[in-house]
Protein backbone atom coordinates (compact mmCIF):
# COMPACT_ATOMS: atom_id res chain seq x y z
CA UNK A 1 -39.85 1.07 -17.00
CA UNK A 2 -38.47 1.73 -20.48
CA UNK A 3 -36.50 4.71 -19.16
CA UNK A 4 -34.88 2.51 -16.50
CA UNK A 5 -33.99 -0.17 -19.06
CA UNK A 6 -32.60 2.46 -21.42
CA UNK A 7 -30.54 3.96 -18.59
CA UNK A 8 -29.14 0.53 -17.64
CA UNK A 9 -28.31 -0.18 -21.29
CA UNK A 10 -26.53 3.18 -21.57
CA UNK A 11 -24.54 2.41 -18.41
CA UNK A 12 -23.44 -1.00 -19.70
CA UNK A 13 -22.59 0.53 -23.06
CA UNK A 14 -20.46 3.13 -21.30
CA UNK A 15 -18.62 0.41 -19.31
CA UNK A 16 -18.13 -1.87 -22.32
CA UNK A 17 -14.81 -0.38 -23.58
CA UNK A 18 -13.27 -0.62 -20.10
CA UNK A 19 -14.51 -4.18 -19.68
CA UNK A 20 -13.15 -5.23 -23.08
CA UNK A 21 -9.79 -3.63 -22.30
CA UNK A 22 -9.63 -5.37 -18.90
CA UNK A 23 -10.60 -8.66 -20.50
CA UNK A 24 -7.98 -8.45 -23.26
CA UNK A 25 -5.07 -6.99 -21.31
CA UNK A 26 -5.65 -8.44 -17.81
CA UNK A 27 -8.06 -11.36 -17.44
CA UNK A 28 -7.10 -13.38 -20.53
CA UNK A 29 -3.31 -12.97 -19.96
CA UNK A 30 -3.73 -13.95 -16.31
CA UNK A 31 -5.73 -16.99 -17.38
CA UNK A 32 -2.76 -17.96 -19.56
CA UNK A 33 -0.45 -17.42 -16.55
CA UNK A 34 -2.55 -19.90 -14.55
CA UNK A 35 -2.31 -22.38 -17.42
CA UNK A 36 1.46 -21.96 -17.74
CA UNK A 37 1.93 -22.50 -14.00
CA UNK A 38 1.01 -26.17 -14.52
CA UNK A 39 3.29 -26.69 -17.55
CA UNK A 40 7.03 -27.14 -18.01
CA UNK A 41 9.42 -24.40 -19.15
CA UNK A 42 8.62 -25.00 -22.83
CA UNK A 43 4.88 -24.97 -22.16
CA UNK A 44 4.31 -28.39 -23.73
CA UNK A 45 4.15 -30.89 -20.87
CA UNK A 46 1.77 -30.92 -17.92
CA UNK A 47 3.72 -31.12 -14.64
CA UNK A 48 0.94 -30.58 -12.09
CA UNK A 49 2.00 -28.72 -8.95
CA UNK A 50 5.73 -29.30 -9.51
CA UNK A 51 6.32 -25.62 -10.37
CA UNK A 52 4.61 -24.53 -7.16
CA UNK A 53 6.72 -26.98 -5.16
CA UNK A 54 9.94 -25.73 -6.78
CA UNK A 55 9.01 -22.10 -6.11
CA UNK A 56 8.20 -22.74 -2.44
CA UNK A 57 11.53 -24.54 -1.97
CA UNK A 58 13.51 -21.86 -3.80
CA UNK A 59 15.88 -19.95 -1.48
CA UNK A 60 15.55 -16.67 -3.38
CA UNK A 61 11.76 -16.89 -3.19
CA UNK A 62 11.87 -17.52 0.56
CA UNK A 63 14.19 -14.53 1.04
CA UNK A 64 12.00 -12.28 -1.12
CA UNK A 65 8.83 -13.34 0.70
CA UNK A 66 10.46 -12.76 4.08
CA UNK A 67 11.73 -9.29 3.16
CA UNK A 68 8.48 -8.24 1.49
CA UNK A 69 6.39 -9.39 4.45
CA UNK A 70 8.76 -7.65 6.87
CA UNK A 71 8.60 -4.47 4.82
CA UNK A 72 4.79 -4.47 4.65
CA UNK A 73 4.31 -5.28 8.35
CA UNK A 74 6.76 -2.52 9.30
CA UNK A 75 5.68 0.21 6.88
CA UNK A 76 1.90 -0.02 6.69
CA UNK A 77 1.11 0.53 10.41
CA UNK A 78 3.70 3.34 10.64
CA UNK A 79 2.36 5.01 7.51
CA UNK A 80 -1.30 4.78 8.55
CA UNK A 81 -0.60 6.09 12.05
CA UNK A 82 1.71 8.92 10.97
CA UNK A 83 -0.52 10.10 8.13
CA UNK A 84 -3.61 10.08 10.37
CA UNK A 85 -1.85 12.08 13.10
CA UNK A 86 -0.55 14.65 10.62
CA UNK A 87 -3.95 14.88 8.93
CA UNK A 88 -5.71 15.59 12.24
CA UNK A 89 -3.10 18.22 13.11
CA UNK A 90 -3.54 19.93 9.75
CA UNK A 91 -7.34 19.88 9.95
CA UNK A 92 -7.09 21.62 13.31
CA UNK A 93 -4.92 24.40 11.86
CA UNK A 94 -6.90 27.12 10.14
CA UNK A 95 -3.76 29.12 9.41
CA UNK A 96 -1.35 27.80 6.76
CA UNK A 97 -3.41 24.58 6.44
CA UNK A 98 -3.31 24.58 2.62
CA UNK A 99 0.44 25.17 2.67
CA UNK A 100 1.03 22.09 4.80
CA UNK A 101 -1.25 19.97 2.60
CA UNK A 102 0.73 20.93 -0.51
CA UNK A 103 4.02 20.29 1.30
CA UNK A 104 3.12 16.73 2.24
CA UNK A 105 1.90 16.00 -1.29
CA UNK A 106 5.12 17.30 -2.83
CA UNK A 107 7.06 13.98 -2.59
CA UNK A 108 4.49 12.32 -4.86
CA UNK A 109 5.30 14.80 -7.62
CA UNK A 110 9.05 14.08 -7.53
CA UNK A 111 10.17 11.81 -10.42
CA UNK A 112 11.74 8.47 -9.54
CA UNK A 113 15.08 9.51 -11.01
CA UNK A 114 15.16 12.54 -8.72
CA UNK A 115 14.37 10.35 -5.70
CA UNK A 116 17.26 8.06 -6.64
CA UNK A 117 19.57 11.06 -6.91
CA UNK A 118 18.38 12.21 -3.49
CA UNK A 119 19.13 8.76 -2.07
CA UNK A 120 22.67 8.92 -3.42
CA UNK A 121 23.27 12.44 -2.14
CA UNK A 122 22.13 11.53 1.38
CA UNK A 123 22.97 7.84 1.89
CA UNK A 124 25.98 7.20 -0.37
CA UNK A 125 29.42 6.37 1.07
CA UNK A 126 30.41 9.98 0.42
CA UNK A 127 26.92 11.35 1.03
CA UNK A 128 25.74 14.02 3.42
CA UNK A 129 25.18 11.71 6.39
CA UNK A 130 28.64 10.16 6.15
CA UNK A 131 30.23 13.59 5.70
CA UNK A 132 28.46 14.66 8.87
CA UNK A 133 29.74 11.58 10.72
CA UNK A 134 33.31 12.18 9.52
CA UNK A 135 33.16 15.75 10.77
CA UNK A 136 32.76 14.29 14.27
CA UNK A 137 35.50 11.67 13.68
CA UNK A 138 32.88 8.90 13.52
CA UNK A 139 33.04 5.83 11.29
CA UNK A 140 31.08 6.26 8.01
CA UNK A 141 28.29 3.81 7.22
CA UNK A 142 27.69 2.15 3.86
CA UNK A 143 23.91 2.29 4.11
CA UNK A 144 22.93 0.65 0.83
CA UNK A 145 25.28 -2.35 1.16
CA UNK A 146 24.41 -3.33 4.73
CA UNK A 147 21.27 -4.36 6.59
CA UNK A 148 20.62 -0.65 7.22
CA UNK A 149 19.40 -0.45 3.63
CA UNK A 150 16.08 -1.84 4.85
CA UNK A 151 15.50 1.18 7.09
CA UNK A 152 16.45 3.52 4.25
CA UNK A 153 13.78 1.83 2.16
CA UNK A 154 11.20 2.14 4.96
CA UNK A 155 12.00 5.84 5.37
CA UNK A 156 11.71 6.45 1.62
CA UNK A 157 8.34 4.69 1.38
CA UNK A 158 6.83 6.55 4.34
CA UNK A 159 8.21 9.89 3.16
CA UNK A 160 6.79 9.46 -0.32
CA UNK A 161 3.35 8.07 0.59
CA UNK A 162 2.43 10.03 3.72
CA UNK A 163 0.83 12.86 1.73
CA UNK A 164 -1.20 10.42 -0.38
CA UNK A 165 -2.66 8.73 2.69
CA UNK A 166 -3.32 12.10 4.30
CA UNK A 167 -5.59 13.01 1.39
CA UNK A 168 -7.57 9.80 1.94
CA UNK A 169 -7.85 10.41 5.69
CA UNK A 170 -8.91 14.01 4.99
CA UNK A 171 -11.75 12.78 2.78
CA UNK A 172 -12.88 10.48 5.59
CA UNK A 173 -12.70 13.24 8.20
CA UNK A 174 -14.74 15.57 6.01
CA UNK A 175 -17.42 12.88 5.81
CA UNK A 176 -18.00 12.86 9.58
CA UNK A 177 -20.88 15.24 10.48
CA UNK A 178 -19.73 18.22 12.53
CA UNK A 179 -23.00 17.99 14.47
CA UNK A 180 -21.61 14.91 16.25
CA UNK A 181 -18.64 16.90 17.55
CA UNK A 182 -20.90 19.77 18.56
CA UNK A 183 -23.22 17.45 20.46
CA UNK A 184 -20.23 15.81 22.17
CA UNK A 185 -18.90 19.23 23.20
CA UNK A 186 -22.27 20.10 24.74
CA UNK A 187 -22.15 16.82 26.69
CA UNK A 188 -18.72 17.77 28.02
CA UNK A 189 -16.56 15.35 25.99
CA UNK A 190 -12.87 16.15 25.75
CA UNK A 191 -10.63 15.86 22.67
CA UNK A 192 -9.61 12.24 23.31
CA UNK A 193 -13.21 11.13 23.86
CA UNK A 194 -14.28 12.78 20.61
CA UNK A 195 -11.43 11.06 18.78
CA UNK A 196 -12.19 7.65 20.32
CA UNK A 197 -15.97 7.61 20.00
CA UNK A 198 -16.57 9.78 16.92
CA UNK A 199 -13.45 10.10 14.74
CA UNK A 200 -12.17 6.51 14.85
CA UNK A 201 -15.58 4.83 14.26
CA UNK A 202 -16.28 7.29 11.45
CA UNK A 203 -13.01 6.44 9.71
CA UNK A 204 -13.51 2.67 9.50
CA UNK A 205 -14.49 2.71 5.82
CA UNK A 206 -11.61 5.07 5.05
CA UNK A 207 -9.24 2.75 6.91
CA UNK A 208 -10.11 -0.12 4.57
CA UNK A 209 -9.50 1.93 1.42
CA UNK A 210 -6.32 3.50 2.78
CA UNK A 211 -4.96 0.15 3.92
CA UNK A 212 -5.54 -1.52 0.54
CA UNK A 213 -4.04 1.37 -1.44
CA UNK A 214 -1.05 1.60 0.91
CA UNK A 215 -0.47 -2.12 0.44
CA UNK A 216 -0.53 -1.71 -3.33
CA UNK A 217 1.83 1.27 -3.17
CA UNK A 218 4.27 -0.73 -1.03
CA UNK A 219 5.06 -2.84 -4.11
CA UNK A 220 6.13 0.25 -6.07
CA UNK A 221 9.33 0.90 -4.11
CA UNK A 222 11.12 -1.56 -6.41
CA UNK A 223 11.84 1.22 -8.91
CA UNK A 224 13.99 3.23 -6.52
CA UNK A 225 15.78 0.16 -5.13
CA UNK A 226 16.47 -1.19 -8.61
CA UNK A 227 17.94 2.09 -9.87
CA UNK A 228 20.12 2.44 -6.77
CA UNK A 229 21.26 -1.15 -6.14
CA UNK A 230 20.57 -3.04 -9.39
CA UNK A 231 19.33 -6.60 -9.89
CA UNK A 232 20.92 -8.01 -6.74
CA UNK A 233 20.81 -5.50 -3.86
CA UNK A 234 21.66 -6.21 -0.24
CA UNK A 235 19.80 -9.25 1.10
CA UNK A 236 17.75 -7.07 3.46
CA UNK A 237 15.99 -5.32 0.54
CA UNK A 238 15.77 -8.19 -1.96
CA UNK A 239 12.02 -8.05 -2.69
CA UNK A 240 9.56 -10.07 -4.74
CA UNK A 241 9.90 -7.57 -7.58
CA UNK A 242 13.63 -8.32 -7.80
CA UNK A 243 12.84 -12.03 -7.92
CA UNK A 244 10.28 -11.65 -10.72
CA UNK A 245 12.63 -9.40 -12.66
CA UNK A 246 15.52 -11.87 -12.41
CA UNK A 247 13.32 -14.82 -13.34
CA UNK A 248 12.06 -12.88 -16.34
CA UNK A 249 15.61 -12.18 -17.50
CA UNK A 250 16.49 -15.87 -17.18
CA UNK A 251 13.18 -16.86 -18.87
CA UNK A 252 11.95 -18.99 -15.94
CA UNK A 253 8.38 -18.50 -17.10
CA UNK A 254 7.05 -21.52 -15.21
CA UNK A 255 8.40 -20.22 -11.90
CA UNK A 256 7.11 -16.72 -12.57
CA UNK A 257 3.65 -18.07 -13.39
CA UNK A 258 3.41 -20.23 -10.27
CA UNK A 259 4.66 -17.43 -8.00
CA UNK A 260 2.31 -14.91 -9.63
CA UNK A 261 -0.71 -17.17 -9.08
CA UNK A 262 0.20 -17.72 -5.41
CA UNK A 263 0.72 -13.99 -4.92
CA UNK A 264 -2.59 -13.13 -6.62
CA UNK A 265 -4.50 -15.67 -4.49
CA UNK A 266 -2.86 -14.31 -1.33
CA UNK A 267 -3.80 -10.74 -2.26
CA UNK A 268 -7.36 -11.77 -3.07
CA UNK A 269 -7.83 -13.59 0.24
CA UNK A 270 -6.30 -10.68 2.16
CA UNK A 271 -8.53 -8.09 0.49
CA UNK A 272 -11.61 -10.27 1.02
CA UNK A 273 -10.69 -10.62 4.70
CA UNK A 274 -10.24 -6.86 5.06
CA UNK A 275 -13.53 -6.25 3.25
CA UNK A 276 -15.33 -8.69 5.57
CA UNK A 277 -13.85 -7.04 8.65
CA UNK A 278 -14.77 -3.58 7.37
CA UNK A 279 -18.39 -4.60 6.75
CA UNK A 280 -18.59 -6.26 10.15
CA UNK A 281 -17.15 -3.22 11.93
CA UNK A 282 -19.47 -0.91 10.00
CA UNK A 283 -22.46 -3.07 10.92
CA UNK A 284 -21.51 -3.07 14.60
CA UNK A 285 -21.03 0.71 14.50
CA UNK A 286 -24.46 1.31 12.94
CA UNK A 287 -26.04 -1.09 15.42
CA UNK A 288 -24.53 0.80 18.35
CA UNK A 289 -25.70 4.12 16.93
CA UNK A 290 -29.26 2.80 16.54
CA UNK A 291 -29.24 1.55 20.15
CA UNK A 292 -27.89 4.91 21.32
CA UNK A 293 -30.61 6.84 19.51
CA UNK A 294 -33.24 4.45 20.84
CA UNK A 295 -32.06 4.93 24.43
CA UNK A 296 -31.98 8.71 23.96
CA UNK A 297 -35.54 8.72 22.67
CA UNK A 298 -36.66 6.65 25.65
């Protein structure tokens, strides 16, 4: 009993520095953000939900929310599907498998400044794509100053994060017992049946982690967009990060605080929903497996 108590005390002592750091640099500042969201710009007068009302009616906020939601809904499914397909293809290749893994992880190692330079070389008015179009007497396209900038952003996000998600999928695939595939082969199951009844159910926990991390990474594309297009890019790629940055420069602290609280609550509810779905799916999967084993024993 004393050993268990000592071990628990050691664990809490080990976690104490991280907890204190999180408390000082995250929880307490966010608590002050919540407080400031109910005050005026000077932070002296209580205004209730007026800041929230002003933020919701703000045209820039509505545009940023629309673009961010569109970006997430477009990118996340494409990224998850593409990374899973590529991961399965690489796992099936015994030859040059490590080479392909390193290749897909390479974009993560490229500095942001280099990515911006790559954007300019490819998508600028005088970039490679427009030079190619001119060689065929076609009209050049100003990608970053038209609605096509959105698709450039989608391509950049998927290109840079595919390797990261592949590593997560690979960890999930390695966690599925090979005995299940061997038993399915003995029963005469084909590749699609193995994927549907073994691989997909076995990746449900990995799907939750990959989805949450991909969602978080989707908010990091602001760096590239900001360095390429500045504070006010084309309307199709004006994201929440641009809005927060511009409000910070104009010292609209009350608007920033209200928007940050709404965004944090939305993220929390979304993650809780995904966690609930993951636990429910996992429970159903385990229940089906128990019923299957029971029927086999009978």
